Protein backbone atom coordinates (compact mmCIF):
# COMPACT_ATOMS: atom_id res chain seq x y z
CA MET A 1 70.17 72.40 85.11
CA LEU A 2 67.43 73.91 86.47
CA GLU A 3 64.84 70.56 87.15
CA ASN A 4 61.31 72.54 86.81
CA THR A 5 62.09 73.44 82.85
CA SER A 6 61.77 71.37 80.67
CA THR A 7 64.20 72.56 77.70
CA PRO A 8 67.91 74.49 77.73
CA GLY A 9 65.55 77.71 76.70
CA LYS A 10 63.13 77.77 79.33
CA ALA A 11 65.87 77.87 81.61
CA VAL A 12 67.86 80.68 79.68
CA LEU A 13 64.33 82.80 80.57
CA PHE A 14 63.66 81.28 83.82
CA PHE A 15 67.64 83.33 85.00
CA LEU A 16 67.66 86.03 82.51
CA THR A 17 64.32 86.77 84.41
CA ARG A 18 65.07 86.20 87.88
CA LEU A 19 68.59 87.90 87.03
CA PHE A 20 66.37 90.72 86.26
CA ILE A 21 64.44 90.49 89.52
CA LEU A 22 67.82 90.63 91.53
CA GLY A 23 69.81 93.27 89.97
CA GLY A 24 66.16 95.09 90.22
CA MET A 25 66.88 94.80 93.41
CA VAL A 26 69.53 96.00 94.03
CA LEU A 27 69.61 99.03 92.06
CA PHE A 28 66.18 99.59 94.00
CA PHE A 29 67.91 99.25 97.48
CA SER A 30 70.66 100.56 96.47
CA THR A 31 68.81 104.35 95.71
CA VAL A 32 66.78 103.68 98.82
CA SER A 33 69.51 103.34 100.87
CA TYR A 34 71.47 106.00 99.61
CA LEU A 35 68.38 108.14 100.53
CA VAL A 36 68.02 106.99 103.58
CA GLY A 37 71.91 107.23 104.28
CA VAL A 38 72.10 111.59 103.06
CA TYR A 39 69.35 111.38 105.57
CA VAL A 40 70.84 109.77 108.88
CA CYS A 41 73.90 112.00 108.04
CA LYS A 42 71.89 115.11 107.89
CA LEU A 43 70.21 113.89 111.12
CA LEU A 44 73.83 113.19 112.95
CA PHE A 45 76.41 114.96 111.41
CA GLY A 46 74.03 118.03 109.66
CA PHE A 47 75.83 117.38 106.64
CA ASP A 48 73.14 117.38 103.74
CA PHE A 49 75.35 115.26 100.71
CA ILE A 50 72.74 115.87 98.34
CA ALA A 51 72.05 119.94 98.66
CA ASN A 52 76.44 120.18 98.70
CA PRO A 53 77.50 117.15 97.06
CA ASN A 54 80.68 118.97 97.13
CA LEU A 55 80.73 117.90 100.92
CA LEU A 56 82.24 114.35 99.61
CA ASN A 57 85.52 115.88 98.51
CA GLU A 58 86.35 117.51 101.89
CA TYR A 59 86.90 113.50 103.40
CA GLU A 60 90.11 114.25 103.70
CA THR A 61 90.27 117.74 106.14
CA ASN A 62 87.01 117.51 107.70
CA PRO A 63 86.69 113.73 110.05
CA TYR A 64 82.84 114.71 110.54
CA VAL A 65 82.40 114.03 107.17
CA LEU A 66 84.82 111.12 107.05
CA ASN A 67 83.04 109.49 109.57
CA ALA A 68 79.24 110.83 107.96
CA LEU A 69 80.32 108.65 104.66
CA LYS A 70 81.21 105.49 107.17
CA VAL A 71 78.02 105.01 107.87
CA LEU A 72 76.66 106.33 104.63
CA GLN A 73 78.67 103.53 103.18
CA VAL A 74 77.09 100.61 105.97
CA ILE A 75 73.46 101.98 104.82
CA VAL A 76 74.45 101.82 101.24
CA SER A 77 75.94 97.72 101.95
CA ILE A 78 73.26 96.64 103.48
CA GLY A 79 70.51 97.93 101.01
CA ALA A 80 72.09 97.41 97.97
CA MET A 81 73.33 93.70 99.02
CA LEU A 82 72.36 92.35 101.81
CA ILE A 83 69.05 93.24 101.58
CA PRO A 84 68.69 92.20 98.25
CA ALA A 85 70.83 88.71 98.93
CA TRP A 86 67.71 88.22 101.81
CA LEU A 87 64.72 88.72 99.85
CA PHE A 88 66.21 86.46 96.63
CA PRO A 89 65.98 83.49 97.88
CA LYS A 90 61.91 84.09 97.62
CA ALA A 91 61.77 84.97 94.03
CA ILE A 92 62.55 81.51 92.75
CA GLU A 93 60.97 79.56 95.57
CA GLN A 94 63.45 78.12 97.88
CA GLN A 95 63.89 78.20 101.60
CA ARG A 96 66.74 81.08 102.05
CA ASN A 97 68.90 79.88 105.23
CA SER A 98 69.33 76.77 102.67
CA PHE A 99 69.62 78.69 99.80
CA LEU A 100 71.81 80.43 100.28
CA GLN A 101 73.76 78.40 103.37
CA LEU A 102 73.70 80.31 106.53
CA THR A 103 72.90 77.19 108.58
CA ALA A 104 75.23 74.10 107.23
CA LYS A 105 77.83 73.18 109.20
CA PRO A 106 80.96 73.22 107.32
CA LYS A 107 83.53 70.36 108.55
CA PRO A 108 86.65 71.57 110.13
CA LEU A 109 88.69 70.86 107.02
CA PHE A 110 87.02 74.10 105.50
CA TRP A 111 87.36 76.35 108.51
CA LEU A 112 91.53 75.59 108.57
CA ALA A 113 91.32 75.93 105.09
CA ALA A 114 90.05 79.04 105.59
CA ALA A 115 92.74 80.18 107.50
CA LEU A 116 95.23 79.36 105.39
CA PHE A 117 93.96 80.76 102.56
CA ILE A 118 94.09 83.80 104.16
CA VAL A 119 98.13 83.59 104.20
CA VAL A 120 98.91 81.85 101.11
CA ASN A 121 97.08 84.03 98.73
CA ILE A 122 98.99 86.72 99.87
CA PRO A 123 102.01 86.71 96.87
CA LEU A 124 99.48 85.80 94.38
CA ILE A 125 97.23 88.63 94.80
CA SER A 126 99.92 90.73 95.46
CA TRP A 127 101.63 89.57 91.90
CA LEU A 128 97.99 90.47 90.19
CA VAL A 129 98.09 93.86 91.71
CA ASP A 130 101.30 94.07 89.58
CA ILE A 131 100.34 92.61 86.42
CA ASN A 132 97.04 94.60 87.18
CA ALA A 133 98.98 98.14 87.52
CA GLN A 134 100.62 97.91 83.69
CA PHE A 135 97.45 97.52 81.85
CA LYS A 136 97.16 100.47 79.56
CA LEU A 137 95.10 101.25 76.85
CA PRO A 138 95.64 102.10 73.52
CA GLU A 139 97.39 105.77 72.19
CA SER A 140 94.31 106.30 70.85
CA MET A 141 92.33 105.85 73.86
CA ALA A 142 94.79 108.27 76.54
CA ALA A 143 92.19 110.49 77.91
CA LEU A 144 90.06 107.37 78.65
CA GLU A 145 93.02 105.85 79.99
CA ALA A 146 94.06 109.10 82.10
CA GLN A 147 90.16 109.19 83.30
CA LEU A 148 90.62 105.22 84.40
CA LYS A 149 93.63 106.40 86.50
CA ALA A 150 92.66 109.38 88.44
CA THR A 151 89.69 107.64 89.18
CA GLU A 152 91.35 104.44 90.83
CA GLU A 153 93.20 107.19 93.00
CA VAL A 154 90.50 108.61 93.82
CA ALA A 155 89.22 105.19 95.10
CA ASN A 156 92.82 104.53 96.26
CA ARG A 157 92.88 108.08 98.47
CA MET A 158 89.36 107.30 100.16
CA THR A 159 89.39 103.80 100.71
CA LYS A 160 93.09 104.81 102.83
CA ALA A 161 91.18 107.07 104.30
CA PHE A 162 88.51 104.76 105.88
CA ILE A 163 91.44 102.84 107.13
CA SER A 164 92.94 105.80 108.60
CA GLY A 165 93.13 106.54 112.74
CA ASN A 166 95.37 106.19 115.45
CA THR A 167 92.82 105.40 118.20
CA ILE A 168 91.26 101.36 118.92
CA ASN A 169 88.11 103.41 119.32
CA ASP A 170 89.30 104.12 115.42
CA PHE A 171 90.66 101.13 114.72
CA LEU A 172 87.16 98.76 115.74
CA ILE A 173 85.05 101.07 113.72
CA ASN A 174 87.11 100.86 110.26
CA LEU A 175 87.45 96.98 110.81
CA PHE A 176 83.52 96.95 111.33
CA VAL A 177 82.87 99.59 108.34
CA VAL A 178 85.28 97.87 105.54
CA ALA A 179 86.07 94.63 106.31
CA LEU A 180 83.17 93.15 108.90
CA VAL A 181 79.96 94.85 106.81
CA PRO A 182 81.70 94.12 103.50
CA ALA A 183 82.33 90.62 104.43
CA ILE A 184 78.64 89.59 104.91
CA ALA A 185 76.73 91.95 102.68
CA GLU A 186 79.33 90.77 99.43
CA GLU A 187 79.78 87.76 100.27
CA LEU A 188 75.77 87.32 100.81
CA LEU A 189 75.24 88.94 97.52
CA PHE A 190 77.53 87.87 95.21
CA ARG A 191 78.15 84.11 96.69
CA GLY A 192 75.33 83.23 98.45
CA ALA A 193 72.54 84.56 96.37
CA LEU A 194 74.60 85.12 92.57
CA GLN A 195 76.45 82.58 92.70
CA ARG A 196 73.78 80.61 93.82
CA PHE A 197 72.02 80.60 91.30
CA ILE A 198 73.89 80.61 88.57
CA THR A 199 74.91 76.48 89.84
CA PHE A 200 70.76 76.88 90.43
CA CYS A 201 69.93 77.20 86.70
CA PHE A 202 72.97 75.33 85.19
CA GLY A 203 74.03 73.20 87.23
CA ASN A 204 77.87 74.28 86.80
CA ALA A 205 79.35 75.04 90.05
CA HIS A 206 82.79 76.16 88.44
CA ALA A 207 80.86 78.98 85.73
CA ALA A 208 79.39 79.84 88.77
CA ILE A 209 82.66 80.49 90.18
CA LEU A 210 83.97 82.31 87.57
CA SER A 211 81.00 84.30 86.87
CA ALA A 212 80.19 85.70 89.97
CA ALA A 213 83.87 86.39 90.56
CA ILE A 214 83.54 88.94 87.33
CA ILE A 215 80.77 90.52 88.06
CA PHE A 216 82.00 90.82 92.15
CA SER A 217 84.79 92.42 90.11
CA ALA A 218 82.88 94.86 88.18
CA PHE A 219 81.04 95.93 90.72
CA HIS A 220 83.73 97.72 93.07
CA GLY A 221 84.36 100.05 89.38
CA GLN A 222 87.98 99.97 89.77
CA VAL A 223 89.48 99.10 86.67
CA TYR A 224 93.48 98.44 87.91
CA GLY A 225 92.09 96.40 90.55
CA PHE A 226 89.62 93.97 88.52
CA LEU A 227 91.84 90.76 87.81
CA PRO A 228 93.41 90.20 92.00
CA ARG A 229 89.59 91.24 92.79
CA MET A 230 88.81 88.64 90.28
CA VAL A 231 91.24 85.92 91.34
CA LEU A 232 90.25 86.63 95.05
CA GLY A 233 86.38 86.06 94.01
CA VAL A 234 86.95 82.65 92.48
CA LEU A 235 89.07 81.50 95.29
CA LEU A 236 85.49 82.68 97.74
CA GLY A 237 83.67 81.05 95.64
CA TYR A 238 85.51 77.73 95.53
CA ILE A 239 85.23 77.89 99.26
CA PHE A 240 81.82 78.57 99.27
CA ALA A 241 80.67 76.61 97.01
CA TYR A 242 83.09 73.37 98.13
CA SER A 243 82.60 73.38 101.77
CA GLY A 244 78.52 74.16 101.45
CA SER A 245 78.50 76.81 104.04
CA ILE A 246 78.58 80.76 104.02
CA TRP A 247 80.43 81.30 106.41
CA PRO A 248 83.86 80.16 105.75
CA ALA A 249 84.30 82.47 102.58
CA MET A 250 82.82 85.46 105.15
CA LEU A 251 86.04 84.72 107.07
CA VAL A 252 88.33 84.66 104.35
CA HIS A 253 86.81 87.66 102.81
CA PHE A 254 86.75 89.63 105.97
CA MET A 255 90.21 88.97 107.21
CA ASN A 256 91.50 89.82 103.56
CA ASN A 257 90.21 93.17 104.32
CA ALA A 258 91.11 93.44 108.15
CA ILE A 259 94.24 92.95 107.03
CA SER A 260 94.40 96.25 106.02
CA VAL A 261 93.30 97.66 108.45
CA LEU A 262 95.61 96.06 110.18
CA ILE A 263 98.88 97.32 108.72
CA THR A 264 97.66 100.86 108.52
CA HIS A 265 96.07 101.45 111.80
CA TYR A 266 99.84 99.72 113.62
CA LYS A 267 102.01 101.35 110.31
CA LEU A 268 103.43 98.15 109.76
CA ASP A 269 103.56 99.24 106.15
CA GLN A 270 106.95 101.97 107.87
CA THR A 271 108.57 99.12 109.65
CA GLU A 272 111.63 97.03 108.31
CA TRP A 273 109.81 94.32 107.20
CA ALA A 274 108.99 95.03 103.64
CA ILE A 275 106.78 92.64 102.96
CA PHE A 276 104.01 95.26 104.26
CA ASP A 277 104.76 98.29 101.95
CA GLU A 278 102.70 98.26 98.97
CA SER A 279 105.68 98.44 97.07
CA TYR A 280 107.12 95.55 97.72
CA HIS A 281 107.33 92.53 94.90
CA PHE A 282 107.20 89.47 96.17
CA PRO A 283 109.88 86.58 94.63
CA VAL A 284 109.05 84.40 91.74
CA TYR A 285 109.34 81.27 93.84
CA ALA A 286 107.31 82.84 96.38
CA ILE A 287 104.70 83.33 93.73
CA VAL A 288 104.72 80.04 92.53
CA LEU A 289 104.72 77.96 96.03
CA SER A 290 101.25 80.61 96.67
CA ILE A 291 99.95 79.39 93.17
CA VAL A 292 100.81 76.01 94.22
CA ALA A 293 99.37 76.26 97.53
CA CYS A 294 96.05 77.62 96.84
CA VAL A 295 95.70 75.31 93.93
CA SER A 296 96.06 72.45 96.36
CA LEU A 297 93.78 73.73 98.78
CA VAL A 298 91.18 73.95 96.45
CA TYR A 299 91.64 70.68 95.06
CA LEU A 300 91.98 69.46 98.92
CA MET A 301 87.80 70.82 99.17
CA HIS A 302 86.76 68.98 96.07
CA ARG A 303 88.25 65.83 97.67
CA ASN A 304 85.92 66.36 100.68
CA GLN A 305 83.46 68.68 99.93
CA GLN A 306 79.74 68.60 101.21
CA GLN A 307 77.39 70.18 98.87
CA GLN A 308 74.05 71.47 100.14
CA PRO A 309 70.78 70.58 98.29
CA PHE A 310 68.55 72.98 96.98
CA GLU A 311 65.26 73.18 98.49
CA HIS A 312 61.83 74.72 97.10
CA GLY A 313 60.14 76.24 99.88
CA ALA A 314 59.54 79.54 101.84
């Protein structure tokens, strides 16, 4: 539990007030960055998404609108996640680099484990996607379920539009927008700031990992992608906690998103390799092996963990 609080009540109060500060920063900088992004898009592309919000729906027919949305997403990601994570350690009197675990050098074992996670988690995550797709609400909530599915469809269509493109420039831009920026910004906020903060307050790494993963998944606002994203968040959380560094988690996050960009750009889902098709279902033995491999890698990291202390200071 937090060192400078003598009672559980004080620890909880400290946690809630600082969590409120973090949430306030996310909300404030999200708003500011959106306004900045809209202004930049107006300067670069001549689109005013505030004056004409219907433009947001033209990304499938107008490539300039799509490019503007990519610029807007990058700016909002930086504002909503990266800046709050960067500023938050100051609010709890922690040194930024050590708290966010930016400077720690993980053992080669953790880079190897991260690389293996990229491959071995695929059947598990695919299986969880299938399970989550079967989520149903009671008949009395059919209207809400239809609305959730419609929202999910819109999100999926936008994601596919974001990772589409035929040129190498499209591919590199999509890697930057869809894979690199989210990997850096989301890991800094949800693992570096939030997960680390919960551990800092209560000393329970497992609870911190699960809590941060749930919030991480909920933050994306996709009910039918909640379960696989949460489990991915848990895996990223253990990589972060046991490696003592943010970088291996960022690598896995980047590669997880980059694979989708790679498959779409090179149309691997249209080849004879069924594994690349979204409708492909892994056999049971592959799912079991995936679960065993993921658990084994987590245990291996646990046995060789590098814990980074919390340090007070600027």
